[in-house]
Amino acid sequence: MRLIYALGLTLALAGCATGPSLESQMAAYIGTPETVLVQKLGVPARQITVNNVSYLAYELRNQAQVQPGGYAWGGPYWDGWGPYPYARPIVPQNVRVWSCEVTFLLTQGKVQSFTLRGNDCQ
């Protein structure tokens, strides 16, 4: 019986564990070549080179509908076949957008540093 409690406690605590933060994930790319960065993260959203220093920006976006829109039934609507009720929106939808922009600074083709900017950069 103690084994079952111990297993249950272990599983409960494992459910609370979170993975590495975005900052620690991006820090792993410091010192890697640009080719590895593009292979792992894909093509950057923006890229610019100034005075032999390259900046590669990646956008991480997530959006969700927080409050669904509501509808009011009205009518009748006459279309030649008969009266039908119709729906019209009365409550606008509330969509939240979370984003984080990761900008890598590269010199001589290798990642030197990065910056995080946005409301979802944990």
C-alpha atoms as a PDB file:
ATOM      1  CA  MET A   1       0.000   0.000   0.000  1.00  0.00           C
ATOM      2  CA  ARG A   2       2.884   2.365   0.741  1.00  0.00           C
ATOM      3  CA  LEU A   3       4.242   1.684  -2.733  1.00  0.00           C
ATOM      4  CA  ILE A   4       0.981   2.889  -4.267  1.00  0.00           C
ATOM      5  CA  TYR A   5       1.048   6.082  -2.179  1.00  0.00           C
ATOM      6  CA  ALA A   6       4.688   6.704  -3.064  1.00  0.00           C
ATOM      7  CA  LEU A   7       3.976   6.156  -6.748  1.00  0.00           C
ATOM      8  CA  GLY A   8       0.955   8.481  -6.589  1.00  0.00           C
ATOM      9  CA  LEU A   9       2.986  11.190  -4.843  1.00  0.00           C
ATOM     10  CA  THR A  10       5.788  10.855  -7.397  1.00  0.00           C
ATOM     11  CA  LEU A  11       3.346  11.183 -10.297  1.00  0.00           C
ATOM     12  CA  ALA A  12       1.630  14.168  -8.664  1.00  0.00           C
ATOM     13  CA  LEU A  13       4.939  15.972  -8.172  1.00  0.00           C
ATOM     14  CA  ALA A  14       6.030  15.118 -11.717  1.00  0.00           C
ATOM     15  CA  GLY A  15       2.866  16.771 -13.007  1.00  0.00           C
ATOM     16  CA  CYS A  16       3.937  20.026 -11.334  1.00  0.00           C
ATOM     17  CA  ALA A  17       7.372  20.004 -12.936  1.00  0.00           C
ATOM     18  CA  THR A  18       7.937  22.398 -15.793  1.00  0.00           C
ATOM     19  CA  GLY A  19      10.506  22.295 -18.544  1.00  0.00           C
ATOM     20  CA  PRO A  20      13.397  24.658 -19.015  1.00  0.00           C
ATOM     21  CA  SER A  21      12.563  28.323 -19.474  1.00  0.00           C
ATOM     22  CA  LEU A  22      12.688  29.981 -22.879  1.00  0.00           C
ATOM     23  CA  GLU A  23      15.754  31.923 -21.785  1.00  0.00           C
ATOM     24  CA  SER A  24      17.678  28.766 -20.896  1.00  0.00           C
ATOM     25  CA  GLN A  25      16.575  27.096 -24.147  1.00  0.00           C
ATOM     26  CA  MET A  26      17.866  30.028 -26.215  1.00  0.00           C
ATOM     27  CA  ALA A  27      21.056  30.301 -24.157  1.00  0.00           C
ATOM     28  CA  ALA A  28      21.965  26.812 -25.403  1.00  0.00           C
ATOM     29  CA  TYR A  29      22.458  28.329 -28.890  1.00  0.00           C
ATOM     30  CA  ILE A  30      25.238  30.713 -27.806  1.00  0.00           C
ATOM     31  CA  GLY A  31      28.414  29.750 -29.652  1.00  0.00           C
ATOM     32  CA  THR A  32      26.618  27.694 -32.322  1.00  0.00           C
ATOM     33  CA  PRO A  33      26.941  28.514 -36.026  1.00  0.00           C
ATOM     34  CA  GLU A  34      24.153  30.252 -37.921  1.00  0.00           C
ATOM     35  CA  THR A  35      23.441  27.099 -39.922  1.00  0.00           C
ATOM     36  CA  VAL A  36      22.610  25.135 -36.754  1.00  0.00           C
ATOM     37  CA  LEU A  37      20.380  27.953 -35.537  1.00  0.00           C
ATOM     38  CA  VAL A  38      18.413  27.941 -38.806  1.00  0.00           C
ATOM     39  CA  GLN A  39      18.228  24.137 -38.827  1.00  0.00           C
ATOM     40  CA  LYS A  40      16.770  24.056 -35.303  1.00  0.00           C
ATOM     41  CA  LEU A  41      14.527  27.156 -35.316  1.00  0.00           C
ATOM     42  CA  GLY A  42      13.771  27.554 -39.014  1.00  0.00           C
ATOM     43  CA  VAL A  43      13.982  30.625 -41.197  1.00  0.00           C
ATOM     44  CA  PRO A  44      13.941  33.846 -39.127  1.00  0.00           C
ATOM     45  CA  ALA A  45      11.072  36.310 -39.463  1.00  0.00           C
ATOM     46  CA  ARG A  46      13.554  39.168 -39.960  1.00  0.00           C
ATOM     47  CA  GLN A  47      17.271  39.385 -40.617  1.00  0.00           C
ATOM     48  CA  ILE A  48      19.654  42.307 -41.020  1.00  0.00           C
ATOM     49  CA  THR A  49      23.428  42.686 -41.166  1.00  0.00           C
ATOM     50  CA  VAL A  50      25.116  45.912 -40.017  1.00  0.00           C
ATOM     51  CA  ASN A  51      28.916  46.325 -39.828  1.00  0.00           C
ATOM     52  CA  ASN A  52      29.507  42.554 -40.085  1.00  0.00           C
ATOM     53  CA  VAL A  53      27.074  41.878 -37.238  1.00  0.00           C
ATOM     54  CA  SER A  54      23.950  39.882 -38.115  1.00  0.00           C
ATOM     55  CA  TYR A  55      20.667  40.035 -36.244  1.00  0.00           C
ATOM     56  CA  LEU A  56      18.157  37.189 -36.667  1.00  0.00           C
ATOM     57  CA  ALA A  57      14.689  37.677 -35.175  1.00  0.00           C
ATOM     58  CA  TYR A  58      12.224  34.871 -34.467  1.00  0.00           C
ATOM     59  CA  GLU A  59       8.613  35.463 -33.458  1.00  0.00           C
ATOM     60  CA  LEU A  60       6.783  33.126 -31.107  1.00  0.00           C
ATOM     61  CA  ARG A  61       3.034  33.817 -31.079  1.00  0.00           C
ATOM     62  CA  ASN A  62       0.089  32.224 -29.338  1.00  0.00           C
ATOM     63  CA  GLN A  63      -3.477  33.442 -29.338  1.00  0.00           C
ATOM     64  CA  ALA A  64      -6.664  32.244 -27.695  1.00  0.00           C
ATOM     65  CA  GLN A  65     -10.286  33.260 -27.576  1.00  0.00           C
ATOM     66  CA  VAL A  66     -10.870  34.214 -23.965  1.00  0.00           C
ATOM     67  CA  GLN A  67     -14.562  35.093 -24.148  1.00  0.00           C
ATOM     68  CA  PRO A  68     -16.739  33.648 -26.879  1.00  0.00           C
ATOM     69  CA  GLY A  69     -19.035  35.987 -28.737  1.00  0.00           C
ATOM     70  CA  GLY A  70     -22.751  35.805 -28.051  1.00  0.00           C
ATOM     71  CA  TYR A  71     -25.656  35.847 -30.466  1.00  0.00           C
ATOM     72  CA  ALA A  72     -29.152  37.267 -30.248  1.00  0.00           C
ATOM     73  CA  TRP A  73     -31.946  35.643 -32.145  1.00  0.00           C
ATOM     74  CA  GLY A  74     -34.136  38.001 -34.109  1.00  0.00           C
ATOM     75  CA  GLY A  75     -36.529  37.730 -36.905  1.00  0.00           C
ATOM     76  CA  PRO A  76     -38.479  36.675 -38.601  1.00  0.00           C
ATOM     77  CA  TYR A  77     -36.472  36.855 -41.799  1.00  0.00           C
ATOM     78  CA  TRP A  78     -38.468  36.360 -44.973  1.00  0.00           C
ATOM     79  CA  ASP A  79     -36.635  34.880 -47.963  1.00  0.00           C
ATOM     80  CA  GLY A  80     -39.503  33.746 -50.152  1.00  0.00           C
ATOM     81  CA  TRP A  81     -39.793  30.300 -48.577  1.00  0.00           C
ATOM     82  CA  GLY A  82     -41.055  31.393 -45.235  1.00  0.00           C
ATOM     83  CA  PRO A  83     -40.130  33.251 -42.059  1.00  0.00           C
ATOM     84  CA  TYR A  84     -36.831  32.165 -40.457  1.00  0.00           C
ATOM     85  CA  PRO A  85     -35.119  33.449 -37.331  1.00  0.00           C
ATOM     86  CA  TYR A  86     -31.613  34.834 -37.755  1.00  0.00           C
ATOM     87  CA  ALA A  87     -28.686  35.328 -35.432  1.00  0.00           C
ATOM     88  CA  ARG A  88     -26.655  38.477 -35.048  1.00  0.00           C
ATOM     89  CA  PRO A  89     -23.620  38.947 -32.804  1.00  0.00           C
ATOM     90  CA  ILE A  90     -24.215  41.038 -29.690  1.00  0.00           C
ATOM     91  CA  VAL A  91     -21.012  40.358 -27.713  1.00  0.00           C
ATOM     92  CA  PRO A  92     -17.700  40.868 -29.521  1.00  0.00           C
ATOM     93  CA  GLN A  93     -15.104  38.157 -29.227  1.00  0.00           C
ATOM     94  CA  ASN A  94     -12.163  38.789 -26.943  1.00  0.00           C
ATOM     95  CA  VAL A  95      -8.979  37.362 -28.453  1.00  0.00           C
ATOM     96  CA  ARG A  96      -5.762  37.512 -26.422  1.00  0.00           C
ATOM     97  CA  VAL A  97      -2.396  37.365 -28.161  1.00  0.00           C
ATOM     98  CA  TRP A  98       0.770  36.313 -26.368  1.00  0.00           C
ATOM     99  CA  SER A  99       4.057  36.830 -28.160  1.00  0.00           C
ATOM    100  CA  CYS A 100       7.783  36.814 -27.676  1.00  0.00           C
ATOM    101  CA  GLU A 101      10.436  37.962 -30.109  1.00  0.00           C
ATOM    102  CA  VAL A 102      13.853  36.342 -29.819  1.00  0.00           C
ATOM    103  CA  THR A 103      16.665  38.280 -31.523  1.00  0.00           C
ATOM    104  CA  PHE A 104      20.054  36.625 -31.902  1.00  0.00           C
ATOM    105  CA  LEU A 105      23.245  38.629 -32.421  1.00  0.00           C
ATOM    106  CA  LEU A 106      25.807  36.836 -34.610  1.00  0.00           C
ATOM    107  CA  THR A 107      29.388  37.780 -35.368  1.00  0.00           C
ATOM    108  CA  GLN A 108      31.623  35.745 -37.677  1.00  0.00           C
ATOM    109  CA  GLY A 109      28.693  33.384 -38.271  1.00  0.00           C
ATOM    110  CA  LYS A 110      28.270  32.367 -34.604  1.00  0.00           C
ATOM    111  CA  VAL A 111      25.651  33.299 -32.018  1.00  0.00           C
ATOM    112  CA  GLN A 112      27.107  35.708 -29.453  1.00  0.00           C
ATOM    113  CA  SER A 113      24.001  36.723 -27.504  1.00  0.00           C
ATOM    114  CA  PHE A 114      20.210  37.050 -27.687  1.00  0.00           C
ATOM    115  CA  THR A 115      17.425  39.257 -26.380  1.00  0.00           C
ATOM    116  CA  LEU A 116      13.836  38.422 -25.481  1.00  0.00           C
ATOM    117  CA  ARG A 117      11.033  40.944 -25.942  1.00  0.00           C
ATOM    118  CA  GLY A 118       7.295  40.504 -25.453  1.00  0.00           C
ATOM    119  CA  ASN A 119       4.573  39.561 -22.995  1.00  0.00           C
ATOM    120  CA  ASP A 120       5.195  35.782 -23.117  1.00  0.00           C
ATOM    121  CA  CYS A 121       8.950  35.302 -22.715  1.00  0.00           C
ATOM    122  CA  GLN A 122       9.035  32.948 -19.717  1.00  0.00           C
END
